[in-house]
Amino acid sequence: MILKKLAGVDPRLIKRHEQLVLEHMNSSEPLSAGLKALPDKISSFASTQAAWRFYANGSVSLSVLQEPLTAAAHEGMAKHCGQYALCVHDWSRLSYKHLNKTDTYAITHATDVGYDLQSSLIVSDLTGLPVAPVAQRLVSVDGSYATYGDAASPSPAKNHLEEVADCIQYLDAQGFPKPVVHMIDREGDSVAHIRRWDAAGSLWVVRAKDDPKVDYVDKPTACKAVAAGLAFSKTRQVSYHGKAYWQWVAEAEVTLGRPAKPSQKKGKQPRVPGLPVKARLVVSRILTEDGEVLAQWLLLTNVTDVDAATIALWYYWRWQIECFFKLVKSAGHQLEAWQQESALAIAKRLLVASMACVTVWEIAADNRPEAAELRNFLIKLSGRQMRHKQAFSNPALLAGLWVFLAMSKIMDAYSQEELDGFKATAKQFLGEVV
């Protein structure tokens, strides 16, 4: 398990952090999403009290809790990445209607109440497997709590792209062992922000919208119109909505020369001109055998030394961040059922749960025979049924880890005589089943 020392933190808090990560090695249910105490001889109430004190401790800041995750990212990049490390940025709403939370807000409309989560996840450029989240931000009615800020109180909330621009600037200064390529969905198709990232030397892959124009063959042309005139090459089979289809790829050299829209303000504002940015337009299509276009992605990038088919594959792997959101929400930790009473407490617990996710991903990515045997063992312990030809899933590994840790704790906490006594008593109720 990847657990790192928290710099400048009381050793007792380090020990509590490690214990909390272990206690998040479980797959919860919505109605029982609270902390699960490992079955040693310490009471569950004592474990809950210790967790509450940990999250309420002012010295345990978000930036401190991010340190083990960042260290895991450094190690994971060196181990699992090739030429680059992919950093996927995305957003997810956390819906809460708990009356004990007073800092939630209506995110999009009156009944959409909760917090806005931004996460940045490192993904391997070789396998597409997740490595570690390197930044997270949670927005409440009071403002923004970010792992890349040191303030105990929230900072004023910004719009998504301004926040992710600050995050990119922070991450590019972290000295990671591989160059980081930042990947953003269509919300990132903002020429003002692309200019900012390009001028700072950041590497980026942004999904373009259909209609904004780029300069192509010295003529302003909509991206979808450029794509319509390109020659495509058949590259690989990919899974789309659970079925196998062929991916086709084409590319063109374009320039982003259009003026930028001003930030959203009342009244009509003049557009802002800027320096032209040279980019590659990589077009990825999923086609049926009859040539029907099932999906199309228009990708703008300033990465020049990787072929178009690889760029398309990188973006295909972007779905890993959706799997991360699912793992901490409905398929694993039940984040939207947590009872912590503030965004700050939720954010702290999320970073602890993220360390549990990192451990699961490391087990999943290990190619050694003994790691494969461990995965098979954990799946059996989880009691989960896998789909045909699917060896494991991350939620099942998480569930199996909890059973294994519980077994290990029981073996440490109770003598053989005590366990034999429990077994004898259980047989009075279960017969020879146990």
Protein backbone atom coordinates (compact mmCIF):
# COMPACT_ATOMS: atom_id res chain seq x y z
CA MET A 1 0.00 0.00 0.00
CA ILE A 2 1.26 3.48 -0.87
CA LEU A 3 1.25 5.53 2.32
CA LYS A 4 3.56 8.51 2.72
CA LYS A 5 4.61 10.58 5.69
CA LEU A 6 2.73 13.85 6.03
CA ALA A 7 5.41 16.53 6.22
CA GLY A 8 5.48 18.51 9.46
CA VAL A 9 2.53 16.65 10.98
CA ASP A 10 2.35 15.07 14.43
CA PRO A 11 3.24 11.34 14.17
CA ARG A 12 -0.03 10.50 15.91
CA LEU A 13 -1.92 12.18 13.07
CA ILE A 14 0.17 10.26 10.54
CA LYS A 15 -0.85 7.03 12.25
CA ARG A 16 -4.49 8.13 12.26
CA HIS A 17 -4.26 9.00 8.54
CA GLU A 18 -2.96 5.50 7.78
CA GLN A 19 -5.76 3.97 9.87
CA LEU A 20 -8.39 6.05 8.07
CA VAL A 21 -7.06 5.01 4.66
CA LEU A 22 -7.34 1.37 5.74
CA GLU A 23 -10.89 1.97 6.95
CA HIS A 24 -11.77 3.36 3.52
CA MET A 25 -10.69 0.11 1.83
CA ASN A 26 -14.31 -0.85 1.51
CA SER A 27 -17.27 -0.61 -0.80
CA SER A 28 -20.15 1.06 1.04
CA GLU A 29 -23.91 1.14 0.65
CA PRO A 30 -25.90 4.40 0.49
CA LEU A 31 -27.59 3.74 3.82
CA SER A 32 -24.34 2.79 5.55
CA ALA A 33 -21.80 5.15 4.04
CA GLY A 34 -20.25 6.12 7.36
CA LEU A 35 -16.77 5.16 8.45
CA LYS A 36 -16.28 1.41 8.87
CA ALA A 37 -14.06 0.43 11.80
CA LEU A 38 -11.77 -2.54 11.32
CA PRO A 39 -12.76 -5.40 13.67
CA ASP A 40 -10.04 -5.12 16.29
CA LYS A 41 -10.78 -4.72 20.01
CA ILE A 42 -11.26 -0.95 19.75
CA SER A 43 -14.90 0.10 19.71
CA SER A 44 -16.51 1.50 16.56
CA PHE A 45 -17.52 4.61 18.51
CA ALA A 46 -13.89 5.26 19.47
CA SER A 47 -12.88 4.94 15.83
CA THR A 48 -15.59 7.41 14.79
CA GLN A 49 -14.49 9.89 17.44
CA ALA A 50 -10.87 9.62 16.32
CA ALA A 51 -11.89 10.28 12.72
CA TRP A 52 -13.92 13.32 13.74
CA ARG A 53 -10.93 14.74 15.65
CA PHE A 54 -8.67 14.11 12.65
CA TYR A 55 -10.89 15.95 10.16
CA ALA A 56 -11.46 18.83 12.63
CA ASN A 57 -7.73 19.28 13.32
CA GLY A 58 -6.55 22.58 11.85
CA SER A 59 -3.05 21.26 11.09
CA VAL A 60 -4.51 18.61 8.78
CA SER A 61 -5.04 20.88 5.77
CA LEU A 62 -6.07 19.88 2.26
CA SER A 63 -2.58 20.57 0.93
CA VAL A 64 -1.09 18.32 3.63
CA LEU A 65 -3.52 15.50 2.83
CA GLN A 66 -2.69 15.90 -0.86
CA GLU A 67 1.02 15.22 -0.24
CA PRO A 68 0.75 11.38 -0.13
CA LEU A 69 -1.32 11.44 -3.33
CA THR A 70 1.21 13.65 -5.10
CA ALA A 71 4.04 11.39 -3.94
CA ALA A 72 2.09 8.39 -5.31
CA ALA A 73 1.73 10.26 -8.63
CA HIS A 74 5.51 10.82 -8.80
CA GLU A 75 6.16 7.12 -8.20
CA GLY A 76 3.36 6.01 -10.51
CA MET A 77 4.53 8.20 -13.39
CA ALA A 78 8.04 6.79 -13.20
CA LYS A 79 6.64 3.25 -13.05
CA HIS A 80 3.64 3.27 -15.40
CA CYS A 81 4.11 6.16 -17.87
CA GLY A 82 6.26 6.28 -20.99
CA GLN A 83 6.99 9.54 -22.80
CA TYR A 84 4.25 11.56 -21.09
CA ALA A 85 1.82 11.50 -18.18
CA LEU A 86 -1.78 12.35 -19.02
CA CYS A 87 -3.65 14.63 -16.61
CA VAL A 88 -7.42 14.55 -17.08
CA HIS A 89 -9.34 17.50 -15.63
CA ASP A 90 -13.09 17.24 -15.11
CA TRP A 91 -15.97 18.29 -12.89
CA SER A 92 -18.70 16.41 -11.05
CA ARG A 93 -21.61 17.67 -8.98
CA LEU A 94 -22.08 16.22 -5.52
CA SER A 95 -25.77 16.21 -4.69
CA TYR A 96 -26.74 16.62 -1.03
CA LYS A 97 -30.03 17.37 0.63
CA HIS A 98 -28.81 16.65 4.19
CA LEU A 99 -30.10 19.25 6.62
CA ASN A 100 -26.86 19.05 8.63
CA LYS A 101 -24.91 20.69 5.77
CA THR A 102 -25.36 24.45 5.84
CA ASP A 103 -22.84 25.40 3.13
CA THR A 104 -24.37 23.59 0.13
CA TYR A 105 -25.80 25.68 -2.68
CA ALA A 106 -28.03 25.45 -5.75
CA ILE A 107 -25.42 24.63 -8.41
CA THR A 108 -27.58 24.88 -11.55
CA HIS A 109 -31.16 25.19 -10.27
CA ALA A 110 -33.17 25.23 -7.07
CA THR A 111 -33.31 21.46 -6.59
CA ASP A 112 -29.70 20.77 -7.68
CA VAL A 113 -28.24 21.25 -4.21
CA GLY A 114 -24.74 20.25 -3.16
CA TYR A 115 -21.10 21.01 -3.98
CA ASP A 116 -19.13 21.30 -7.21
CA LEU A 117 -16.10 18.98 -7.41
CA GLN A 118 -13.12 19.49 -9.73
CA SER A 119 -10.58 16.65 -9.96
CA SER A 120 -7.33 16.21 -11.87
CA LEU A 121 -6.34 12.57 -12.42
CA ILE A 122 -3.01 11.26 -13.73
CA VAL A 123 -3.46 8.48 -16.30
CA SER A 124 -0.75 6.34 -17.93
CA ASP A 125 0.04 7.23 -21.54
CA LEU A 126 0.95 3.56 -22.16
CA THR A 127 -2.02 1.68 -20.70
CA GLY A 128 -4.70 4.25 -19.91
CA LEU A 129 -4.79 3.05 -16.30
CA PRO A 130 -5.33 5.63 -13.52
CA VAL A 131 -2.36 6.50 -11.30
CA ALA A 132 -3.41 9.12 -8.73
CA PRO A 133 -5.47 12.32 -8.38
CA VAL A 134 -3.01 15.23 -8.16
CA ALA A 135 -5.45 18.04 -7.41
CA GLN A 136 -9.01 18.42 -6.17
CA ARG A 137 -11.24 21.39 -5.46
CA LEU A 138 -14.65 21.57 -3.80
CA VAL A 139 -16.88 24.62 -4.14
CA SER A 140 -19.45 25.48 -1.47
CA VAL A 141 -21.68 28.49 -0.96
CA ASP A 142 -18.79 30.06 0.99
CA GLY A 143 -16.19 29.66 -1.76
CA SER A 144 -13.57 27.25 -3.07
CA TYR A 145 -11.50 24.70 -1.11
CA ALA A 146 -8.54 23.48 -3.20
CA THR A 147 -5.64 21.14 -2.51
CA TYR A 148 -3.36 23.55 -4.37
CA GLY A 149 -4.08 26.34 -1.88
CA ASP A 150 -2.97 26.62 1.74
CA ALA A 151 -5.77 28.77 3.13
CA ALA A 152 -7.88 27.19 5.90
CA SER A 153 -10.78 29.36 4.78
CA PRO A 154 -12.24 29.13 1.28
CA SER A 155 -11.03 31.39 -1.52
CA PRO A 156 -13.51 33.18 -3.80
CA ALA A 157 -14.93 30.73 -6.31
CA LYS A 158 -14.03 31.21 -9.98
CA ASN A 159 -15.55 29.70 -13.08
CA HIS A 160 -14.42 26.25 -14.13
CA LEU A 161 -11.79 27.28 -16.66
CA GLU A 162 -10.22 29.91 -14.43
CA GLU A 163 -9.95 27.34 -11.64
CA VAL A 164 -8.46 24.68 -13.90
CA ALA A 165 -6.04 27.25 -15.36
CA ASP A 166 -4.76 27.92 -11.82
CA CYS A 167 -4.55 24.16 -11.27
CA ILE A 168 -2.54 23.61 -14.49
CA GLN A 169 -0.12 26.35 -13.53
CA TYR A 170 0.36 24.73 -10.11
CA LEU A 171 0.81 21.21 -11.48
CA ASP A 172 3.33 22.25 -14.13
CA ALA A 173 5.54 23.59 -11.33
CA GLN A 174 5.59 20.31 -9.37
CA GLY A 175 8.62 18.80 -11.10
CA PHE A 176 6.94 15.56 -12.14
CA PRO A 177 9.26 12.95 -13.72
CA LYS A 178 7.32 13.02 -17.01
CA PRO A 179 5.98 15.97 -19.03
CA VAL A 180 2.29 16.35 -18.23
CA VAL A 181 -0.29 16.60 -21.02
CA HIS A 182 -3.46 18.27 -19.73
CA MET A 183 -6.71 16.89 -21.17
CA ILE A 184 -10.02 18.73 -20.98
CA ASP A 185 -13.45 18.10 -22.47
CA ARG A 186 -15.34 20.60 -24.65
CA GLU A 187 -15.63 23.04 -21.75
CA GLY A 188 -11.93 23.71 -22.35
CA ASP A 189 -12.53 24.98 -25.91
CA SER A 190 -11.79 28.59 -24.98
CA VAL A 191 -9.26 30.31 -27.22
CA ALA A 192 -8.34 32.76 -24.44
CA HIS A 193 -7.38 29.93 -22.07
CA ILE A 194 -5.67 27.91 -24.81
CA ARG A 195 -3.51 30.97 -25.54
CA ARG A 196 -2.71 31.26 -21.84
CA TRP A 197 -1.71 27.60 -21.55
CA ASP A 198 0.30 27.66 -24.77
CA ALA A 199 2.18 30.82 -23.78
CA ALA A 200 3.09 29.22 -20.44
CA GLY A 201 4.56 26.18 -22.19
CA SER A 202 1.85 23.76 -21.03
CA LEU A 203 0.96 20.74 -23.15
CA TRP A 204 -2.74 20.26 -23.83
CA VAL A 205 -5.37 18.20 -25.61
CA VAL A 206 -8.76 19.92 -25.73
CA ARG A 207 -11.91 18.59 -27.28
CA ALA A 208 -13.14 21.25 -29.70
CA LYS A 209 -16.73 22.22 -30.29
CA ASP A 210 -18.19 21.81 -33.77
CA ASP A 211 -18.70 25.40 -34.84
CA PRO A 212 -15.86 27.66 -33.56
CA LYS A 213 -13.60 28.50 -36.48
CA VAL A 214 -9.93 27.77 -36.95
CA ASP A 215 -7.67 28.99 -39.76
CA TYR A 216 -7.27 26.11 -42.21
CA VAL A 217 -5.54 26.59 -45.57
CA ASP A 218 -5.55 30.34 -44.84
CA LYS A 219 -9.32 30.42 -44.43
CA PRO A 220 -11.47 30.58 -41.25
CA THR A 221 -13.35 27.27 -41.17
CA ALA A 222 -15.51 25.55 -38.59
CA CYS A 223 -13.82 22.53 -37.03
CA LYS A 224 -16.54 20.15 -38.18
CA ALA A 225 -16.17 21.46 -41.73
CA VAL A 226 -12.43 20.82 -41.62
CA ALA A 227 -13.11 17.28 -40.40
CA ALA A 228 -15.61 16.64 -43.21
CA GLY A 229 -12.92 17.12 -45.85
CA LEU A 230 -10.19 14.93 -44.33
CA ALA A 231 -9.06 11.44 -45.34
CA PHE A 232 -9.40 8.94 -42.47
CA SER A 233 -7.31 5.90 -41.59
CA LYS A 234 -8.60 2.77 -39.85
CA THR A 235 -6.64 2.42 -36.58
CA ARG A 236 -7.97 0.07 -33.91
CA GLN A 237 -11.04 -1.60 -32.44
CA VAL A 238 -12.50 0.10 -29.39
CA SER A 239 -15.47 -0.55 -27.13
CA TYR A 240 -18.37 1.86 -27.63
CA HIS A 241 -21.50 1.38 -25.52
CA GLY A 242 -20.36 -2.16 -24.77
CA LYS A 243 -19.80 -3.20 -28.40
CA ALA A 244 -16.63 -3.40 -30.52
CA TYR A 245 -16.28 -0.91 -33.37
CA TRP A 246 -13.40 0.46 -35.43
CA GLN A 247 -11.85 3.82 -34.69
CA TRP A 248 -10.86 5.98 -37.67
CA VAL A 249 -8.48 8.94 -37.34
CA ALA A 250 -7.48 11.95 -39.45
CA GLU A 251 -5.60 15.17 -38.74
CA ALA A 252 -4.88 18.64 -40.08
CA GLU A 253 -2.60 21.53 -39.17
CA VAL A 254 -4.68 24.54 -38.07
CA THR A 255 -4.19 27.90 -36.40
CA LEU A 256 -6.35 29.42 -33.67
CA GLY A 257 -6.45 33.05 -34.69
CA ARG A 258 -9.99 34.10 -33.79
CA PRO A 259 -10.50 36.74 -31.09
CA ALA A 260 -11.57 35.51 -27.69
CA LYS A 261 -14.94 36.05 -26.12
CA PRO A 262 -14.66 38.22 -23.01
CA SER A 263 -15.47 36.80 -19.60
CA GLN A 264 -19.18 36.71 -18.92
CA LYS A 265 -20.27 40.21 -18.00
CA LYS A 266 -23.48 42.11 -18.35
CA GLY A 267 -23.86 43.96 -21.61
CA LYS A 268 -22.21 43.41 -24.97
CA GLN A 269 -18.42 43.30 -24.75
CA PRO A 270 -15.90 43.56 -27.62
CA ARG A 271 -13.96 40.43 -28.47
CA VAL A 272 -10.33 40.27 -27.38
CA PRO A 273 -7.68 39.64 -30.08
CA GLY A 274 -4.57 37.62 -29.31
CA LEU A 275 -1.54 35.92 -30.76
CA PRO A 276 -2.28 33.01 -33.14
CA VAL A 277 -1.71 29.51 -31.74
CA LYS A 278 -0.62 26.71 -34.08
CA ALA A 279 -2.27 23.38 -33.30
CA ARG A 280 -3.12 19.97 -34.66
CA LEU A 281 -6.75 19.12 -35.24
CA VAL A 282 -7.05 15.36 -34.63
CA VAL A 283 -10.41 13.88 -35.59
CA SER A 284 -11.47 10.55 -34.10
CA ARG A 285 -14.53 8.71 -35.43
CA ILE A 286 -16.26 5.50 -34.36
CA LEU A 287 -17.80 3.83 -37.41
CA THR A 288 -20.01 0.80 -38.00
CA GLU A 289 -19.05 -1.73 -40.65
CA ASP A 290 -21.49 0.11 -42.96
CA GLY A 291 -19.68 3.41 -42.46
CA GLU A 292 -22.25 5.01 -40.14
CA VAL A 293 -20.66 7.58 -37.83
CA LEU A 294 -21.60 6.65 -34.26
CA ALA A 295 -19.42 9.27 -32.58
CA GLN A 296 -16.91 11.94 -33.51
CA TRP A 297 -14.37 13.79 -31.38
CA LEU A 298 -12.58 16.93 -32.60
CA LEU A 299 -9.33 17.28 -30.65
CA LEU A 300 -7.01 20.29 -30.62
CA THR A 301 -3.48 19.75 -29.29
CA ASN A 302 -0.02 21.30 -29.24
CA VAL A 303 1.69 17.91 -28.73
CA THR A 304 3.74 17.49 -31.90
CA ASP A 305 5.82 14.33 -31.47
CA VAL A 306 3.03 11.77 -31.04
CA ASP A 307 1.01 10.37 -33.94
CA ALA A 308 -2.66 11.22 -34.38
CA ALA A 309 -3.85 7.68 -33.58
CA THR A 310 -2.14 7.88 -30.17
CA ILE A 311 -3.69 11.29 -29.45
CA ALA A 312 -7.10 9.80 -30.23
CA LEU A 313 -6.38 6.85 -27.94
CA TRP A 314 -5.31 9.21 -25.15
CA TYR A 315 -8.65 10.99 -25.36
CA TYR A 316 -10.46 7.65 -25.40
CA TRP A 317 -8.77 6.95 -22.05
CA ARG A 318 -10.20 10.17 -20.64
CA TRP A 319 -13.16 8.09 -19.38
CA GLN A 320 -10.96 6.95 -16.49
CA ILE A 321 -11.87 10.09 -14.56
CA GLU A 322 -15.53 9.16 -14.88
CA CYS A 323 -14.61 5.77 -13.39
CA PHE A 324 -12.87 7.60 -10.53
CA PHE A 325 -15.99 9.65 -9.85
CA LYS A 326 -18.05 6.46 -9.93
CA LEU A 327 -15.65 4.69 -7.56
CA VAL A 328 -15.88 7.43 -4.93
CA LYS A 329 -19.62 7.82 -5.48
CA SER A 330 -22.16 5.12 -6.39
CA ALA A 331 -19.81 2.15 -7.03
CA GLY A 332 -17.59 2.45 -4.00
CA HIS A 333 -17.41 5.02 -1.22
CA GLN A 334 -20.93 6.51 -1.55
CA LEU A 335 -19.56 10.06 -1.32
CA GLU A 336 -22.98 11.62 -1.78
CA ALA A 337 -24.23 9.87 1.39
CA TRP A 338 -21.46 11.09 3.70
CA GLN A 339 -22.68 12.83 6.84
CA GLN A 340 -19.79 15.28 7.35
CA GLU A 341 -21.30 18.71 7.92
CA SER A 342 -19.14 20.99 5.76
CA ALA A 343 -17.41 21.12 2.40
CA LEU A 344 -14.02 21.24 4.11
CA ALA A 345 -14.69 18.03 6.06
CA ILE A 346 -16.04 16.34 2.92
CA ALA A 347 -12.94 17.40 0.98
CA LYS A 348 -10.60 16.04 3.67
CA ARG A 349 -12.35 12.69 3.78
CA LEU A 350 -12.34 12.56 -0.03
CA LEU A 351 -8.54 12.82 -0.03
CA VAL A 352 -8.32 9.93 2.44
CA ALA A 353 -10.69 7.84 0.30
CA SER A 354 -8.61 8.76 -2.78
CA MET A 355 -5.57 7.09 -1.16
CA ALA A 356 -7.63 3.91 -0.92
CA CYS A 357 -8.41 4.24 -4.64
CA VAL A 358 -4.70 4.65 -5.43
CA THR A 359 -3.98 1.38 -3.61
CA VAL A 360 -6.65 -0.44 -5.62
CA TRP A 361 -5.28 0.97 -8.89
CA GLU A 362 -1.77 -0.14 -7.99
CA ILE A 363 -3.01 -3.68 -7.35
CA ALA A 364 -4.93 -3.60 -10.65
CA ALA A 365 -1.92 -2.36 -12.66
CA ASP A 366 0.65 -4.84 -11.32
CA ASN A 367 1.58 -7.44 -13.97
CA ARG A 368 3.36 -9.90 -11.67
CA PRO A 369 1.84 -13.41 -11.30
CA GLU A 370 1.54 -12.97 -7.54
CA ALA A 371 -0.47 -9.76 -8.07
CA ALA A 372 -2.83 -11.64 -10.40
CA GLU A 373 -3.27 -14.30 -7.72
CA LEU A 374 -4.02 -11.60 -5.15
CA ARG A 375 -6.65 -10.06 -7.45
CA ASN A 376 -8.34 -13.45 -7.91
CA PHE A 377 -8.31 -13.97 -4.13
CA LEU A 378 -9.81 -10.53 -3.47
CA ILE A 379 -12.57 -11.08 -6.04
CA LYS A 380 -13.51 -14.33 -4.25
CA LEU A 381 -13.57 -12.50 -0.90
CA SER A 382 -15.72 -9.72 -2.35
CA GLY A 383 -18.47 -12.14 -3.36
CA ARG A 384 -18.93 -10.15 -6.58
CA GLN A 385 -19.78 -11.82 -9.88
CA MET A 386 -17.73 -10.66 -12.86
CA ARG A 387 -18.92 -10.32 -16.43
CA HIS A 388 -17.80 -12.94 -18.94
CA LYS A 389 -14.05 -12.57 -19.68
CA GLN A 390 -13.72 -9.79 -17.06
CA ALA A 391 -11.15 -10.82 -14.47
CA PHE A 392 -11.88 -8.08 -11.95
CA SER A 393 -13.28 -4.61 -11.35
CA ASN A 394 -11.97 -1.86 -9.11
CA PRO A 395 -15.12 -1.76 -6.93
CA ALA A 396 -14.84 -5.54 -6.43
CA LEU A 397 -11.16 -5.23 -5.50
CA LEU A 398 -12.11 -2.53 -3.00
CA ALA A 399 -14.79 -4.76 -1.46
CA GLY A 400 -12.43 -7.73 -1.33
CA LEU A 401 -9.69 -5.67 0.32
CA TRP A 402 -12.03 -4.79 3.16
CA VAL A 403 -12.79 -8.45 3.84
CA PHE A 404 -9.08 -9.31 3.69
CA LEU A 405 -8.11 -6.47 6.05
CA ALA A 406 -10.90 -7.43 8.43
CA MET A 407 -9.71 -11.05 8.42
CA SER A 408 -6.12 -9.94 9.09
CA LYS A 409 -7.17 -7.67 11.96
CA ILE A 410 -9.26 -10.43 13.52
CA MET A 411 -6.32 -12.85 13.36
CA ASP A 412 -4.12 -10.25 15.07
CA ALA A 413 -6.68 -9.20 17.69
CA TYR A 414 -8.02 -12.59 18.83
CA SER A 415 -6.26 -15.74 19.96
CA GLN A 416 -6.86 -19.11 18.32
CA GLU A 417 -8.73 -20.22 21.43
CA GLU A 418 -11.08 -17.23 21.20
CA LEU A 419 -11.73 -17.85 17.52
CA ASP A 420 -12.41 -21.53 18.18
CA GLY A 421 -14.86 -20.47 20.87
CA PHE A 422 -16.69 -18.14 18.47
CA LYS A 423 -16.85 -20.94 15.90
CA ALA A 424 -18.27 -23.39 18.45
CA THR A 425 -20.93 -20.90 19.51
CA ALA A 426 -21.83 -20.10 15.89
CA LYS A 427 -22.31 -23.80 15.19
CA GLN A 428 -25.10 -23.82 17.75
CA PHE A 429 -27.04 -21.55 15.43
CA LEU A 430 -25.68 -22.58 12.01
CA GLY A 431 -25.05 -26.26 12.47
CA GLU A 432 -22.13 -27.64 10.46
CA VAL A 433 -22.22 -24.80 7.91
CA VAL A 434 -19.25 -23.10 9.63
